[in-house]
């Protein structure tokens, strides 16, 4: 049973939800799922089954039918995506430019995505 041909691996392109830690280690907020999600699954013919028993459970069933997963052509195509490399440095620079990296209180710190300007 524990043979390589029985192993199914997967990688999700980006985190499928917009979330924030409210109280570290105890409480988080989920603002919803992304409309489209992608995952690479090996072997490829196992995607539909994994979608049925896992992917739909973490998005579609909890978010009123949103967050559909689609199969990526390969794991390599996920790693070559530049989304994170573009969005995160721009957001961090914008926060630094606007606030100088300093806030009077923790509650003043803007949400990374939700308050994106």
N, C-alpha and C. Protein backbone atom coordinates (compact mmCIF):
# COMPACT_ATOMS: atom_id res chain seq x y z
N UNK A 1 0.80 -1.21 0.00
CA UNK A 1 0.00 0.00 0.00
C UNK A 1 0.84 1.27 0.00
N UNK A 2 2.01 1.22 0.62
CA UNK A 2 2.84 2.41 0.74
C UNK A 2 3.92 2.42 -0.34
N UNK A 3 3.48 2.35 -1.57
CA UNK A 3 4.40 2.34 -2.69
C UNK A 3 4.26 3.65 -3.46
N UNK A 4 5.31 4.05 -4.13
CA UNK A 4 5.33 5.31 -4.84
C UNK A 4 4.18 5.45 -5.83
N UNK A 5 3.80 4.37 -6.48
CA UNK A 5 2.71 4.48 -7.47
C UNK A 5 1.36 4.75 -6.83
N UNK A 6 1.26 4.64 -5.50
CA UNK A 6 0.02 4.94 -4.79
C UNK A 6 -0.01 6.36 -4.21
N UNK A 7 1.06 7.11 -4.40
CA UNK A 7 1.15 8.46 -3.83
C UNK A 7 0.59 9.48 -4.82
N UNK A 8 -0.26 10.38 -4.30
CA UNK A 8 -0.78 11.50 -5.09
C UNK A 8 -0.24 12.78 -4.45
N UNK A 9 0.44 13.58 -5.22
CA UNK A 9 0.97 14.85 -4.70
C UNK A 9 0.24 16.01 -5.36
N UNK A 10 0.20 17.13 -4.64
CA UNK A 10 -0.43 18.31 -5.23
C UNK A 10 0.24 19.56 -4.68
N UNK A 11 0.07 20.64 -5.42
CA UNK A 11 0.54 21.96 -4.99
C UNK A 11 -0.51 22.97 -5.44
N UNK A 12 -0.89 23.85 -4.54
CA UNK A 12 -1.86 24.89 -4.86
C UNK A 12 -1.09 26.14 -5.29
N UNK A 13 -1.55 26.76 -6.38
CA UNK A 13 -0.85 27.91 -6.94
C UNK A 13 -0.67 29.05 -5.95
N UNK A 14 -1.75 29.53 -5.36
CA UNK A 14 -1.71 30.59 -4.36
C UNK A 14 -2.65 30.20 -3.23
N UNK A 15 -2.50 30.80 -2.09
CA UNK A 15 -3.40 30.52 -0.98
C UNK A 15 -4.82 30.83 -1.44
N UNK A 16 -5.78 29.89 -1.27
CA UNK A 16 -7.11 30.10 -1.84
C UNK A 16 -8.02 31.07 -1.08
N UNK A 17 -7.57 31.61 0.05
CA UNK A 17 -8.43 32.52 0.82
C UNK A 17 -7.71 33.81 1.12
N UNK A 18 -8.49 34.83 1.46
CA UNK A 18 -7.94 36.08 1.99
C UNK A 18 -8.18 36.02 3.50
N UNK A 19 -7.10 35.95 4.26
CA UNK A 19 -7.19 35.73 5.71
C UNK A 19 -6.32 36.72 6.48
N UNK A 20 -6.58 36.79 7.76
CA UNK A 20 -5.76 37.61 8.66
C UNK A 20 -5.77 36.98 10.05
N UNK A 21 -4.64 37.04 10.70
CA UNK A 21 -4.55 36.59 12.09
C UNK A 21 -5.14 37.68 12.97
N UNK A 22 -6.12 37.32 13.78
CA UNK A 22 -6.73 38.28 14.69
C UNK A 22 -6.07 38.20 16.07
N UNK A 23 -5.87 36.96 16.54
CA UNK A 23 -5.15 36.74 17.79
C UNK A 23 -4.25 35.54 17.56
N UNK A 24 -2.95 35.79 17.55
CA UNK A 24 -1.97 34.78 17.18
C UNK A 24 -2.19 33.46 17.93
N UNK A 25 -2.28 32.38 17.17
CA UNK A 25 -2.43 31.06 17.74
C UNK A 25 -3.84 30.73 18.20
N UNK A 26 -4.77 31.68 18.07
CA UNK A 26 -6.12 31.43 18.58
C UNK A 26 -7.24 31.78 17.62
N UNK A 27 -7.12 32.91 16.91
CA UNK A 27 -8.26 33.40 16.15
C UNK A 27 -7.81 33.99 14.82
N UNK A 28 -8.50 33.61 13.77
CA UNK A 28 -8.22 34.15 12.45
C UNK A 28 -9.50 34.59 11.78
N UNK A 29 -9.39 35.45 10.80
CA UNK A 29 -10.55 35.91 10.03
C UNK A 29 -10.37 35.48 8.59
N UNK A 30 -11.43 34.95 8.00
CA UNK A 30 -11.42 34.57 6.60
C UNK A 30 -12.38 35.50 5.88
N UNK A 31 -11.83 36.35 5.01
CA UNK A 31 -12.65 37.33 4.30
C UNK A 31 -13.25 36.76 3.02
N UNK A 32 -12.98 35.52 2.74
CA UNK A 32 -13.54 34.88 1.56
C UNK A 32 -12.48 34.19 0.74
N UNK A 33 -12.94 33.50 -0.26
CA UNK A 33 -12.06 32.74 -1.12
C UNK A 33 -11.80 33.50 -2.42
N UNK A 34 -10.71 33.18 -3.04
CA UNK A 34 -10.45 33.73 -4.37
C UNK A 34 -11.41 33.04 -5.33
N UNK A 35 -11.82 33.72 -6.37
CA UNK A 35 -12.82 33.19 -7.29
C UNK A 35 -12.30 31.98 -8.05
N UNK A 36 -11.04 32.04 -8.46
CA UNK A 36 -10.42 30.96 -9.23
C UNK A 36 -9.15 30.52 -8.52
N UNK A 37 -8.99 29.21 -8.37
CA UNK A 37 -7.79 28.63 -7.77
C UNK A 37 -7.24 27.58 -8.71
N UNK A 38 -5.93 27.38 -8.67
CA UNK A 38 -5.30 26.36 -9.51
C UNK A 38 -4.46 25.43 -8.65
N UNK A 39 -4.40 24.19 -9.08
CA UNK A 39 -3.58 23.20 -8.37
C UNK A 39 -2.96 22.26 -9.39
N UNK A 40 -1.72 21.90 -9.12
CA UNK A 40 -1.04 20.88 -9.92
C UNK A 40 -1.16 19.57 -9.16
N UNK A 41 -1.58 18.53 -9.84
CA UNK A 41 -1.76 17.21 -9.22
C UNK A 41 -1.00 16.18 -10.03
N UNK A 42 -0.26 15.33 -9.33
CA UNK A 42 0.47 14.24 -9.97
C UNK A 42 0.12 12.94 -9.26
N UNK A 43 -0.32 11.94 -9.98
CA UNK A 43 -0.59 11.87 -11.41
C UNK A 43 -1.80 12.74 -11.80
N UNK A 44 -1.75 13.28 -13.00
CA UNK A 44 -2.78 14.22 -13.48
C UNK A 44 -4.18 13.64 -13.44
N UNK A 45 -4.32 12.36 -13.68
CA UNK A 45 -5.66 11.76 -13.72
C UNK A 45 -6.32 11.67 -12.34
N UNK A 46 -5.63 12.07 -11.29
CA UNK A 46 -6.21 12.05 -9.93
C UNK A 46 -6.81 13.41 -9.54
N UNK A 47 -6.71 14.41 -10.42
CA UNK A 47 -7.21 15.74 -10.08
C UNK A 47 -8.69 15.74 -9.71
N UNK A 48 -9.54 15.14 -10.53
CA UNK A 48 -10.98 15.17 -10.27
C UNK A 48 -11.33 14.56 -8.92
N UNK A 49 -10.70 13.46 -8.58
CA UNK A 49 -10.97 12.83 -7.28
C UNK A 49 -10.49 13.71 -6.12
N UNK A 50 -9.31 14.29 -6.25
CA UNK A 50 -8.78 15.17 -5.20
C UNK A 50 -9.65 16.42 -5.07
N UNK A 51 -10.13 16.92 -6.18
CA UNK A 51 -11.03 18.07 -6.15
C UNK A 51 -12.31 17.72 -5.38
N UNK A 52 -12.84 16.56 -5.66
CA UNK A 52 -14.08 16.11 -5.02
C UNK A 52 -13.92 15.92 -3.51
N UNK A 53 -12.81 15.33 -3.08
CA UNK A 53 -12.67 14.99 -1.66
C UNK A 53 -11.89 16.02 -0.83
N UNK A 54 -11.24 16.98 -1.50
CA UNK A 54 -10.45 17.95 -0.74
C UNK A 54 -10.63 19.39 -1.21
N UNK A 55 -10.30 19.69 -2.46
CA UNK A 55 -10.32 21.07 -2.92
C UNK A 55 -11.68 21.74 -2.73
N UNK A 56 -12.76 21.05 -3.12
CA UNK A 56 -14.09 21.63 -2.95
C UNK A 56 -14.43 21.84 -1.48
N UNK A 57 -13.90 21.00 -0.62
CA UNK A 57 -14.17 21.15 0.81
C UNK A 57 -13.52 22.39 1.41
N UNK A 58 -12.41 22.83 0.87
CA UNK A 58 -11.73 23.98 1.48
C UNK A 58 -12.15 25.30 0.86
N UNK A 59 -12.95 25.26 -0.20
CA UNK A 59 -13.39 26.52 -0.80
C UNK A 59 -14.88 26.50 -1.13
N UNK A 60 -15.26 25.81 -2.17
CA UNK A 60 -16.61 25.87 -2.73
C UNK A 60 -17.71 25.60 -1.71
N UNK A 61 -17.58 24.59 -0.90
CA UNK A 61 -18.64 24.24 0.06
C UNK A 61 -18.78 25.24 1.20
N UNK A 62 -17.72 26.00 1.48
CA UNK A 62 -17.75 26.98 2.59
C UNK A 62 -18.03 28.40 2.12
N UNK A 63 -17.93 28.65 0.83
CA UNK A 63 -18.01 30.02 0.33
C UNK A 63 -19.05 30.17 -0.78
N UNK A 64 -20.23 29.64 -0.56
CA UNK A 64 -21.37 29.80 -1.47
C UNK A 64 -21.04 29.52 -2.93
N UNK A 65 -20.30 28.44 -3.16
CA UNK A 65 -20.00 28.02 -4.52
C UNK A 65 -18.82 28.72 -5.17
N UNK A 66 -18.14 29.59 -4.45
CA UNK A 66 -16.99 30.31 -5.02
C UNK A 66 -15.70 29.57 -4.71
N UNK A 67 -14.68 29.85 -5.49
CA UNK A 67 -13.37 29.29 -5.23
C UNK A 67 -13.05 28.02 -5.99
N UNK A 68 -13.67 27.86 -7.12
CA UNK A 68 -13.48 26.66 -7.95
C UNK A 68 -11.99 26.41 -8.22
N UNK A 69 -11.59 25.15 -8.15
CA UNK A 69 -10.21 24.76 -8.47
C UNK A 69 -10.14 24.24 -9.90
N UNK A 70 -9.09 24.62 -10.60
CA UNK A 70 -8.81 24.14 -11.94
C UNK A 70 -7.42 23.52 -11.94
N UNK A 71 -7.22 22.59 -12.85
CA UNK A 71 -5.94 21.89 -12.89
C UNK A 71 -4.90 22.70 -13.66
N UNK A 72 -3.75 22.89 -13.02
CA UNK A 72 -2.63 23.55 -13.68
C UNK A 72 -1.97 22.55 -14.62
N UNK A 73 -1.30 23.06 -15.63
CA UNK A 73 -0.67 22.14 -16.58
C UNK A 73 0.50 21.38 -15.95
N UNK A 74 1.15 21.99 -14.95
CA UNK A 74 2.26 21.31 -14.28
C UNK A 74 2.64 22.07 -13.01
N UNK A 75 3.41 21.41 -12.16
CA UNK A 75 3.93 22.07 -10.98
C UNK A 75 4.86 23.21 -11.38
N UNK A 76 5.62 23.01 -12.42
CA UNK A 76 6.54 24.04 -12.89
C UNK A 76 5.80 25.33 -13.25
N UNK A 77 4.63 25.21 -13.86
CA UNK A 77 3.88 26.41 -14.22
C UNK A 77 3.47 27.22 -12.99
N UNK A 78 3.26 26.55 -11.86
CA UNK A 78 2.93 27.26 -10.62
C UNK A 78 4.15 28.00 -10.08
N UNK A 79 5.30 27.39 -10.17
CA UNK A 79 6.51 28.00 -9.61
C UNK A 79 7.00 29.18 -10.45
N UNK A 80 6.63 29.23 -11.71
CA UNK A 80 7.06 30.32 -12.57
C UNK A 80 6.12 31.52 -12.53
N UNK A 81 5.04 31.42 -11.79
CA UNK A 81 4.11 32.54 -11.64
C UNK A 81 4.80 33.65 -10.86
N UNK A 82 4.68 34.88 -11.33
CA UNK A 82 5.34 35.99 -10.65
C UNK A 82 4.40 36.80 -9.76
N UNK A 83 3.21 36.29 -9.51
CA UNK A 83 2.21 37.02 -8.71
C UNK A 83 2.78 37.52 -7.39
N UNK A 84 3.32 36.62 -6.60
CA UNK A 84 3.83 37.01 -5.28
C UNK A 84 5.02 37.94 -5.39
N UNK A 85 5.87 37.70 -6.36
CA UNK A 85 7.07 38.52 -6.51
C UNK A 85 6.72 39.95 -6.91
N UNK A 86 5.58 40.17 -7.54
CA UNK A 86 5.16 41.51 -7.94
C UNK A 86 4.31 42.16 -6.85
N UNK A 87 3.30 41.47 -6.37
CA UNK A 87 2.33 42.06 -5.44
C UNK A 87 2.94 42.39 -4.08
N UNK A 88 3.65 41.45 -3.47
CA UNK A 88 4.12 41.66 -2.10
C UNK A 88 5.17 42.77 -1.97
N UNK A 89 6.19 42.83 -2.80
CA UNK A 89 7.13 43.95 -2.68
C UNK A 89 6.46 45.31 -2.92
N UNK A 90 5.51 45.36 -3.87
CA UNK A 90 4.80 46.62 -4.14
C UNK A 90 3.99 47.04 -2.93
N UNK A 91 3.30 46.09 -2.32
CA UNK A 91 2.49 46.41 -1.13
C UNK A 91 3.38 46.86 0.02
N UNK A 92 4.47 46.18 0.26
CA UNK A 92 5.38 46.55 1.35
C UNK A 92 5.97 47.93 1.10
N UNK A 93 6.35 48.22 -0.15
CA UNK A 93 6.88 49.55 -0.46
C UNK A 93 5.81 50.62 -0.23
N UNK A 94 4.57 50.33 -0.66
CA UNK A 94 3.47 51.28 -0.47
C UNK A 94 3.23 51.57 1.01
N UNK A 95 3.29 50.53 1.85
CA UNK A 95 3.10 50.73 3.29
C UNK A 95 4.24 51.58 3.87
N UNK A 96 5.46 51.28 3.45
CA UNK A 96 6.60 52.06 3.93
C UNK A 96 6.50 53.51 3.47
N UNK A 97 6.14 53.70 2.19
CA UNK A 97 6.06 55.05 1.63
C UNK A 97 4.99 55.89 2.35
N UNK A 98 3.86 55.28 2.63
CA UNK A 98 2.76 56.02 3.25
C UNK A 98 2.98 56.23 4.75
N UNK A 99 3.45 55.19 5.45
CA UNK A 99 3.50 55.25 6.91
C UNK A 99 4.92 55.27 7.48
N UNK A 100 5.92 55.04 6.67
CA UNK A 100 7.28 55.00 7.18
C UNK A 100 7.56 53.80 8.06
N UNK A 101 6.67 52.82 8.02
CA UNK A 101 6.86 51.59 8.80
C UNK A 101 6.56 51.74 10.28
N UNK A 102 5.88 52.84 10.66
CA UNK A 102 5.59 53.07 12.08
C UNK A 102 4.12 53.39 12.28
N UNK A 103 3.54 52.78 13.29
CA UNK A 103 2.16 53.03 13.66
C UNK A 103 2.09 53.28 15.15
N UNK A 104 1.16 54.10 15.59
CA UNK A 104 1.03 54.45 17.01
C UNK A 104 0.60 53.25 17.84
N UNK A 105 -0.26 52.40 17.27
CA UNK A 105 -0.77 51.24 18.00
C UNK A 105 -0.97 50.09 17.03
N UNK A 106 -1.01 48.89 17.55
CA UNK A 106 -1.19 47.71 16.70
C UNK A 106 -2.48 47.79 15.90
N UNK A 107 -3.53 48.34 16.47
CA UNK A 107 -4.82 48.45 15.78
C UNK A 107 -4.76 49.41 14.58
N UNK A 108 -3.75 50.25 14.52
CA UNK A 108 -3.59 51.20 13.41
C UNK A 108 -2.94 50.57 12.18
N UNK A 109 -2.35 49.40 12.34
CA UNK A 109 -1.67 48.75 11.22
C UNK A 109 -2.71 48.29 10.20
N UNK A 110 -2.59 48.70 8.93
CA UNK A 110 -3.58 48.32 7.93
C UNK A 110 -3.51 46.83 7.60
N UNK A 111 -4.62 46.29 7.15
CA UNK A 111 -4.67 44.93 6.66
C UNK A 111 -3.84 44.84 5.39
N UNK A 112 -3.10 43.76 5.25
CA UNK A 112 -2.19 43.65 4.12
C UNK A 112 -2.94 43.65 2.78
N UNK A 113 -4.02 42.90 2.67
CA UNK A 113 -4.78 42.83 1.43
C UNK A 113 -6.06 43.66 1.48
N UNK A 114 -6.80 43.54 2.56
CA UNK A 114 -8.11 44.18 2.65
C UNK A 114 -8.02 45.70 2.50
N UNK A 115 -6.99 46.31 3.08
CA UNK A 115 -6.81 47.76 3.00
C UNK A 115 -5.85 48.17 1.89
N UNK A 116 -5.64 47.29 0.94
CA UNK A 116 -4.69 47.57 -0.14
C UNK A 116 -5.14 48.83 -0.89
N UNK A 117 -4.22 49.76 -1.03
CA UNK A 117 -4.53 51.00 -1.74
C UNK A 117 -3.83 51.02 -3.08
